[in-house]
PDB file of N, CA and C in Angstrom:
ATOM      1  N   MET A   1    -170.667-100.608-135.115  1.00  0.00           N
ATOM      2  CA  MET A   1    -171.171-100.880-136.600  1.00  0.00           C
ATOM      3  C   MET A   1    -170.133-101.676-137.237  1.00  0.00           C
ATOM      4  N   LYS A   2    -168.974-101.212-137.149  1.00  0.00           N
ATOM      5  CA  LYS A   2    -167.789-101.857-137.888  1.00  0.00           C
ATOM      6  C   LYS A   2    -167.603-103.450-137.065  1.00  0.00           C
ATOM      7  N   ASN A   3    -167.661-103.439-135.932  1.00  0.00           N
ATOM      8  CA  ASN A   3    -167.886-104.862-135.187  1.00  0.00           C
ATOM      9  C   ASN A   3    -168.702-105.619-135.736  1.00  0.00           C
ATOM     10  N   LYS A   4    -169.861-105.297-136.058  1.00  0.00           N
ATOM     11  CA  LYS A   4    -171.047-106.056-136.490  1.00  0.00           C
ATOM     12  C   LYS A   4    -170.701-106.594-137.818  1.00  0.00           C
ATOM     13  N   GLU A   5    -170.151-105.615-138.747  1.00  0.00           N
ATOM     14  CA  GLU A   5    -169.836-105.891-140.138  1.00  0.00           C
ATOM     15  C   GLU A   5    -168.844-107.076-140.038  1.00  0.00           C
ATOM     16  N   ARG A   6    -167.806-106.779-139.423  1.00  0.00           N
ATOM     17  CA  ARG A   6    -166.724-107.637-139.266  1.00  0.00           C
ATOM     18  C   ARG A   6    -167.075-109.200-138.670  1.00  0.00           C
ATOM     19  N   ALA A   7    -167.815-109.065-137.834  1.00  0.00           N
ATOM     20  CA  ALA A   7    -168.360-110.396-137.259  1.00  0.00           C
ATOM     21  C   ALA A   7    -169.322-111.205-138.464  1.00  0.00           C
ATOM     22  N   HIS A   8    -170.027-110.338-139.249  1.00  0.00           N
ATOM     23  CA  HIS A   8    -170.724-110.926-140.354  1.00  0.00           C
ATOM     24  C   HIS A   8    -169.906-111.315-141.363  1.00  0.00           C
ATOM     25  N   ARG A   9    -168.790-110.697-141.639  1.00  0.00           N
ATOM     26  CA  ARG A   9    -167.919-111.239-142.565  1.00  0.00           C
ATOM     27  C   ARG A   9    -167.232-112.413-142.057  1.00  0.00           C
ATOM     28  N   ASP A  10    -166.706-112.456-140.966  1.00  0.00           N
ATOM     29  CA  ASP A  10    -166.227-113.457-140.455  1.00  0.00           C
ATOM     30  C   ASP A  10    -167.097-114.744-140.357  1.00  0.00           C
ATOM     31  N   ALA A  11    -168.292-114.554-140.050  1.00  0.00           N
ATOM     32  CA  ALA A  11    -169.286-115.748-140.133  1.00  0.00           C
ATOM     33  C   ALA A  11    -169.366-116.268-141.523  1.00  0.00           C
ATOM     34  N   ASN A  12    -169.783-115.371-142.556  1.00  0.00           N
ATOM     35  CA  ASN A  12    -169.510-115.845-143.969  1.00  0.00           C
ATOM     36  C   ASN A  12    -168.307-116.498-144.289  1.00  0.00           C
ATOM     37  N   PHE A  13    -167.215-116.047-143.934  1.00  0.00           N
ATOM     38  CA  PHE A  13    -165.945-116.818-144.288  1.00  0.00           C
ATOM     39  C   PHE A  13    -165.947-118.107-143.739  1.00  0.00           C
ATOM     40  N   GLN A  14    -166.413-118.313-142.412  1.00  0.00           N
ATOM     41  CA  GLN A  14    -166.377-119.442-141.907  1.00  0.00           C
ATOM     42  C   GLN A  14    -167.331-120.680-142.708  1.00  0.00           C
ATOM     43  N   GLU A  15    -168.579-120.047-142.966  1.00  0.00           N
ATOM     44  CA  GLU A  15    -169.537-120.709-143.787  1.00  0.00           C
ATOM     45  C   GLU A  15    -168.868-121.104-145.033  1.00  0.00           C
ATOM     46  N   GLU A  16    -168.230-120.330-145.741  1.00  0.00           N
ATOM     47  CA  GLU A  16    -167.588-120.768-146.907  1.00  0.00           C
ATOM     48  C   GLU A  16    -166.491-121.648-146.846  1.00  0.00           C
ATOM     49  N   LEU A  17    -165.796-121.510-145.772  1.00  0.00           N
ATOM     50  CA  LEU A  17    -164.503-122.400-145.563  1.00  0.00           C
ATOM     51  C   LEU A  17    -165.202-123.968-145.290  1.00  0.00           C
ATOM     52  N   GLU A  18    -166.131-123.952-144.597  1.00  0.00           N
ATOM     53  CA  GLU A  18    -166.742-125.268-144.242  1.00  0.00           C
ATOM     54  C   GLU A  18    -167.257-125.789-145.436  1.00  0.00           C
ATOM     55  N   SER A  19    -167.942-124.920-146.435  1.00  0.00           N
ATOM     56  CA  SER A  19    -168.486-125.589-147.600  1.00  0.00           C
ATOM     57  C   SER A  19    -167.240-126.104-148.388  1.00  0.00           C
ATOM     58  N   LEU A  20    -166.339-125.299-148.539  1.00  0.00           N
ATOM     59  CA  LEU A  20    -165.214-125.798-149.284  1.00  0.00           C
ATOM     60  C   LEU A  20    -164.524-127.222-148.699  1.00  0.00           C
ATOM     61  N   LYS A  21    -164.302-127.317-147.396  1.00  0.00           N
ATOM     62  CA  LYS A  21    -163.885-128.432-146.762  1.00  0.00           C
ATOM     63  C   LYS A  21    -164.899-129.619-146.979  1.00  0.00           C
ATOM     64  N   THR A  22    -166.015-129.565-147.082  1.00  0.00           N
ATOM     65  CA  THR A  22    -166.949-130.515-147.495  1.00  0.00           C
ATOM     66  C   THR A  22    -166.792-130.806-148.910  1.00  0.00           C
ATOM     67  N   SER A  23    -166.614-129.882-149.959  1.00  0.00           N
ATOM     68  CA  SER A  23    -166.573-130.267-151.119  1.00  0.00           C
ATOM     69  C   SER A  23    -165.250-130.969-151.452  1.00  0.00           C
ATOM     70  N   MET A  24    -164.221-130.548-150.741  1.00  0.00           N
ATOM     71  CA  MET A  24    -162.911-131.178-151.115  1.00  0.00           C
ATOM     72  C   MET A  24    -162.857-132.635-150.631  1.00  0.00           C
ATOM     73  N   ALA A  25    -163.577-132.724-149.459  1.00  0.00           N
ATOM     74  CA  ALA A  25    -163.670-134.107-148.957  1.00  0.00           C
ATOM     75  C   ALA A  25    -164.256-134.996-149.878  1.00  0.00           C
ATOM     76  N   ARG A  26    -165.573-134.624-150.477  1.00  0.00           N
ATOM     77  CA  ARG A  26    -166.301-135.301-151.425  1.00  0.00           C
ATOM     78  C   ARG A  26    -165.563-135.677-152.632  1.00  0.00           C
ATOM     79  N   LEU A  27    -164.874-134.442-152.990  1.00  0.00           N
ATOM     80  CA  LEU A  27    -164.001-134.779-154.339  1.00  0.00           C
ATOM     81  C   LEU A  27    -162.939-135.842-154.118  1.00  0.00           C
ATOM     82  N   THR A  28    -162.268-135.739-153.002  1.00  0.00           N
ATOM     83  CA  THR A  28    -161.283-136.790-152.498  1.00  0.00           C
ATOM     84  C   THR A  28    -161.913-138.114-152.560  1.00  0.00           C
ATOM     85  N   ARG A  29    -162.994-138.276-151.932  1.00  0.00           N
ATOM     86  CA  ARG A  29    -163.517-139.802-152.115  1.00  0.00           C
ATOM     87  C   ARG A  29    -163.963-140.139-153.303  1.00  0.00           C
ATOM     88  N   LEU A  30    -164.408-139.217-154.361  1.00  0.00           N
ATOM     89  CA  LEU A  30    -164.732-139.495-155.625  1.00  0.00           C
ATOM     90  C   LEU A  30    -163.332-140.026-156.392  1.00  0.00           C
ATOM     91  N   LEU A  31    -162.270-139.264-156.077  1.00  0.00           N
ATOM     92  CA  LEU A  31    -161.129-139.517-156.736  1.00  0.00           C
ATOM     93  C   LEU A  31    -160.542-140.990-156.410  1.00  0.00           C
ATOM     94  N   GLU A  32    -160.611-140.985-155.069  1.00  0.00           N
ATOM     95  CA  GLU A  32    -160.065-142.525-154.555  1.00  0.00           C
ATOM     96  C   GLU A  32    -161.089-143.552-154.870  1.00  0.00           C
ATOM     97  N   GLN A  33    -162.355-143.256-155.081  1.00  0.00           N
ATOM     98  CA  GLN A  33    -163.391-144.342-155.757  1.00  0.00           C
ATOM     99  C   GLN A  33    -162.889-144.636-157.254  1.00  0.00           C
ATOM    100  N   THR A  34    -162.535-143.531-157.919  1.00  0.00           N
ATOM    101  CA  THR A  34    -162.255-143.758-159.241  1.00  0.00           C
ATOM    102  C   THR A  34    -160.837-144.665-159.341  1.00  0.00           C
ATOM    103  N   LEU A  35    -159.830-144.110-158.634  1.00  0.00           N
ATOM    104  CA  LEU A  35    -158.590-145.038-158.689  1.00  0.00           C
ATOM    105  C   LEU A  35    -159.148-146.369-158.254  1.00  0.00           C
ATOM    106  N   VAL A  36    -159.803-146.916-157.377  1.00  0.00           N
ATOM    107  CA  VAL A  36    -160.038-148.157-157.082  1.00  0.00           C
ATOM    108  C   VAL A  36    -160.661-148.657-158.172  1.00  0.00           C
ATOM    109  N   ASN A  37    -161.687-148.145-158.760  1.00  0.00           N
ATOM    110  CA  ASN A  37    -162.391-148.643-160.035  1.00  0.00           C
ATOM    111  C   ASN A  37    -161.550-149.043-161.176  1.00  0.00           C
ATOM    112  N   THR A  38    -160.531-147.897-161.512  1.00  0.00           N
ATOM    113  CA  THR A  38    -159.885-148.069-162.734  1.00  0.00           C
ATOM    114  C   THR A  38    -158.567-149.038-162.549  1.00  0.00           C
ATOM    115  N   SER A  39    -158.116-149.026-161.325  1.00  0.00           N
ATOM    116  CA  SER A  39    -156.859-149.872-161.298  1.00  0.00           C
ATOM    117  C   SER A  39    -156.971-150.985-160.269  1.00  0.00           C
ATOM    118  N   GLY A  40    -158.045-151.154-159.434  1.00  0.00           N
ATOM    119  CA  GLY A  40    -158.088-152.175-158.623  1.00  0.00           C
ATOM    120  C   GLY A  40    -157.307-151.944-157.322  1.00  0.00           C
ATOM    121  N   GLU A  41    -156.729-150.714-157.261  1.00  0.00           N
ATOM    122  CA  GLU A  41    -156.048-150.387-156.175  1.00  0.00           C
ATOM    123  C   GLU A  41    -156.445-149.226-155.234  1.00  0.00           C
ATOM    124  N   GLY A  42    -156.066-149.141-154.113  1.00  0.00           N
ATOM    125  CA  GLY A  42    -156.409-147.950-153.269  1.00  0.00           C
ATOM    126  C   GLY A  42    -155.490-146.755-153.470  1.00  0.00           C
ATOM    127  N   PRO A  43    -155.743-145.588-153.073  1.00  0.00           N
ATOM    128  CA  PRO A  43    -154.846-144.621-153.294  1.00  0.00           C
ATOM    129  C   PRO A  43    -153.616-144.810-152.636  1.00  0.00           C
ATOM    130  N   SER A  44    -153.566-145.442-151.401  1.00  0.00           N
ATOM    131  CA  SER A  44    -152.310-145.579-150.696  1.00  0.00           C
ATOM    132  C   SER A  44    -151.393-146.553-151.310  1.00  0.00           C
ATOM    133  N   ASN A  45    -151.899-147.485-152.428  1.00  0.00           N
ATOM    134  CA  ASN A  45    -150.937-148.475-153.045  1.00  0.00           C
ATOM    135  C   ASN A  45    -150.552-148.147-154.388  1.00  0.00           C
ATOM    136  N   ARG A  46    -150.905-146.828-154.876  1.00  0.00           N
ATOM    137  CA  ARG A  46    -150.613-146.264-156.032  1.00  0.00           C
ATOM    138  C   ARG A  46    -150.306-144.843-156.024  1.00  0.00           C
ATOM    139  N   PRO A  47    -149.011-144.462-156.397  1.00  0.00           N
ATOM    140  CA  PRO A  47    -148.478-143.133-156.299  1.00  0.00           C
ATOM    141  C   PRO A  47    -149.269-142.346-157.368  1.00  0.00           C
ATOM    142  N   VAL A  48    -149.740-141.187-157.042  1.00  0.00           N
ATOM    143  CA  VAL A  48    -150.482-140.290-157.991  1.00  0.00           C
ATOM    144  C   VAL A  48    -149.554-139.405-158.581  1.00  0.00           C
ATOM    145  N   THR A  49    -149.266-139.125-159.810  1.00  0.00           N
ATOM    146  CA  THR A  49    -148.531-138.183-160.450  1.00  0.00           C
ATOM    147  C   THR A  49    -149.320-137.345-161.251  1.00  0.00           C
ATOM    148  N   PHE A  50    -148.905-135.975-161.208  1.00  0.00           N
ATOM    149  CA  PHE A  50    -149.352-135.078-162.018  1.00  0.00           C
ATOM    150  C   PHE A  50    -148.491-134.469-163.019  1.00  0.00           C
ATOM    151  N   ASN A  51    -148.685-134.481-164.185  1.00  0.00           N
ATOM    152  CA  ASN A  51    -147.792-134.108-165.296  1.00  0.00           C
ATOM    153  C   ASN A  51    -148.272-132.629-165.725  1.00  0.00           C
ATOM    154  N   GLN A  52    -147.269-131.925-165.393  1.00  0.00           N
ATOM    155  CA  GLN A  52    -147.406-130.271-165.676  1.00  0.00           C
ATOM    156  C   GLN A  52    -146.660-129.956-166.856  1.00  0.00           C
ATOM    157  N   THR A  53    -147.242-129.330-167.960  1.00  0.00           N
ATOM    158  CA  THR A  53    -146.620-128.908-169.028  1.00  0.00           C
ATOM    159  C   THR A  53    -145.769-127.623-168.777  1.00  0.00           C
ATOM    160  N   PRO A  54    -144.670-127.398-168.873  1.00  0.00           N
ATOM    161  CA  PRO A  54    -143.993-126.166-168.641  1.00  0.00           C
ATOM    162  C   PRO A  54    -144.339-125.105-169.831  1.00  0.00           C
ATOM    163  N   THR A  55    -145.505-124.534-169.623  1.00  0.00           N
ATOM    164  CA  THR A  55    -146.052-123.639-170.674  1.00  0.00           C
ATOM    165  C   THR A  55    -145.122-122.425-171.018  1.00  0.00           C
ATOM    166  N   THR A  56    -144.287-121.995-169.862  1.00  0.00           N
ATOM    167  CA  THR A  56    -143.608-120.900-170.086  1.00  0.00           C
ATOM    168  C   THR A  56    -142.338-121.159-171.093  1.00  0.00           C
ATOM    169  N   VAL A  57    -141.790-122.326-170.800  1.00  0.00           N
ATOM    170  CA  VAL A  57    -140.729-122.847-171.468  1.00  0.00           C
ATOM    171  C   VAL A  57    -140.984-122.988-173.038  1.00  0.00           C
ATOM    172  N   GLN A  58    -142.227-123.630-173.239  1.00  0.00           N
ATOM    173  CA  GLN A  58    -142.719-123.761-174.683  1.00  0.00           C
ATOM    174  C   GLN A  58    -142.937-122.494-175.358  1.00  0.00           C
ATOM    175  N   HIS A  59    -143.423-121.491-174.726  1.00  0.00           N
ATOM    176  CA  HIS A  59    -143.724-120.141-175.133  1.00  0.00           C
ATOM    177  C   HIS A  59    -142.402-119.406-175.488  1.00  0.00           C
ATOM    178  N   GLU A  60    -141.547-119.712-174.566  1.00  0.00           N
ATOM    179  CA  GLU A  60    -140.066-119.038-174.982  1.00  0.00           C
ATOM    180  C   GLU A  60    -139.515-119.720-176.011  1.00  0.00           C
ATOM    181  N   GLU A  61    -139.624-120.813-176.324  1.00  0.00           N
ATOM    182  CA  GLU A  61    -139.016-121.747-177.327  1.00  0.00           C
ATOM    183  C   GLU A  61    -139.595-121.227-178.778  1.00  0.00           C
ATOM    184  N   ARG A  62    -140.996-121.015-178.659  1.00  0.00           N
ATOM    185  CA  ARG A  62    -141.702-120.599-179.955  1.00  0.00           C
ATOM    186  C   ARG A  62    -141.089-119.112-180.197  1.00  0.00           C
ATOM    187  N   MET A  63    -141.106-118.322-179.158  1.00  0.00           N
ATOM    188  CA  MET A  63    -140.593-116.785-179.386  1.00  0.00           C
ATOM    189  C   MET A  63    -139.211-116.816-180.154  1.00  0.00           C
ATOM    190  N   ASN A  64    -138.355-117.683-179.632  1.00  0.00           N
ATOM    191  CA  ASN A  64    -137.055-117.749-180.092  1.00  0.00           C
ATOM    192  C   ASN A  64    -136.854-118.205-181.524  1.00  0.00           C
ATOM    193  N   LYS A  65    -137.641-119.217-181.694  1.00  0.00           N
ATOM    194  CA  LYS A  65    -137.736-119.689-183.098  1.00  0.00           C
ATOM    195  C   LYS A  65    -138.338-118.737-184.052  1.00  0.00           C
ATOM    196  N   HIS A  66    -139.363-117.973-183.451  1.00  0.00           N
ATOM    197  CA  HIS A  66    -139.824-116.798-184.504  1.00  0.00           C
ATOM    198  C   HIS A  66    -138.742-115.887-184.696  1.00  0.00           C
ATOM    199  N   ASP A  67    -138.031-115.302-183.667  1.00  0.00           N
ATOM    200  CA  ASP A  67    -136.819-114.608-183.822  1.00  0.00           C
ATOM    201  C   ASP A  67    -135.937-114.896-184.783  1.00  0.00           C
ATOM    202  N   GLN A  68    -135.714-116.180-184.978  1.00  0.00           N
ATOM    203  CA  GLN A  68    -134.609-116.805-185.775  1.00  0.00           C
ATOM    204  C   GLN A  68    -134.912-116.988-187.241  1.00  0.00           C
ATOM    205  N   GLU A  69    -136.205-116.958-187.493  1.00  0.00           N
ATOM    206  CA  GLU A  69    -136.668-117.136-188.744  1.00  0.00           C
ATOM    207  C   GLU A  69    -136.266-115.916-189.720  1.00  0.00           C
ATOM    208  N   PRO A  70    -136.026-116.191-190.977  1.00  0.00           N
ATOM    209  CA  PRO A  70    -135.451-115.008-191.827  1.00  0.00           C
ATOM    210  C   PRO A  70    -136.627-114.150-192.193  1.00  0.00           C
TER     211      PRO A  70
END
């Protein structure tokens, strides 16, 4: 019984994994097309940068300012 349950879970996992791979491929194509449409360049010609705000630092700065107030 446990082997059947494990096989069933494994099959479901593989289906989900394949679905995610398909979705990621589709999203990648859409992003590439967006880059081409907005800049006239392909993704290999233009570096993609992601700006991540350091929320932890901002939170700590606010906490320090709050502690320093009279």
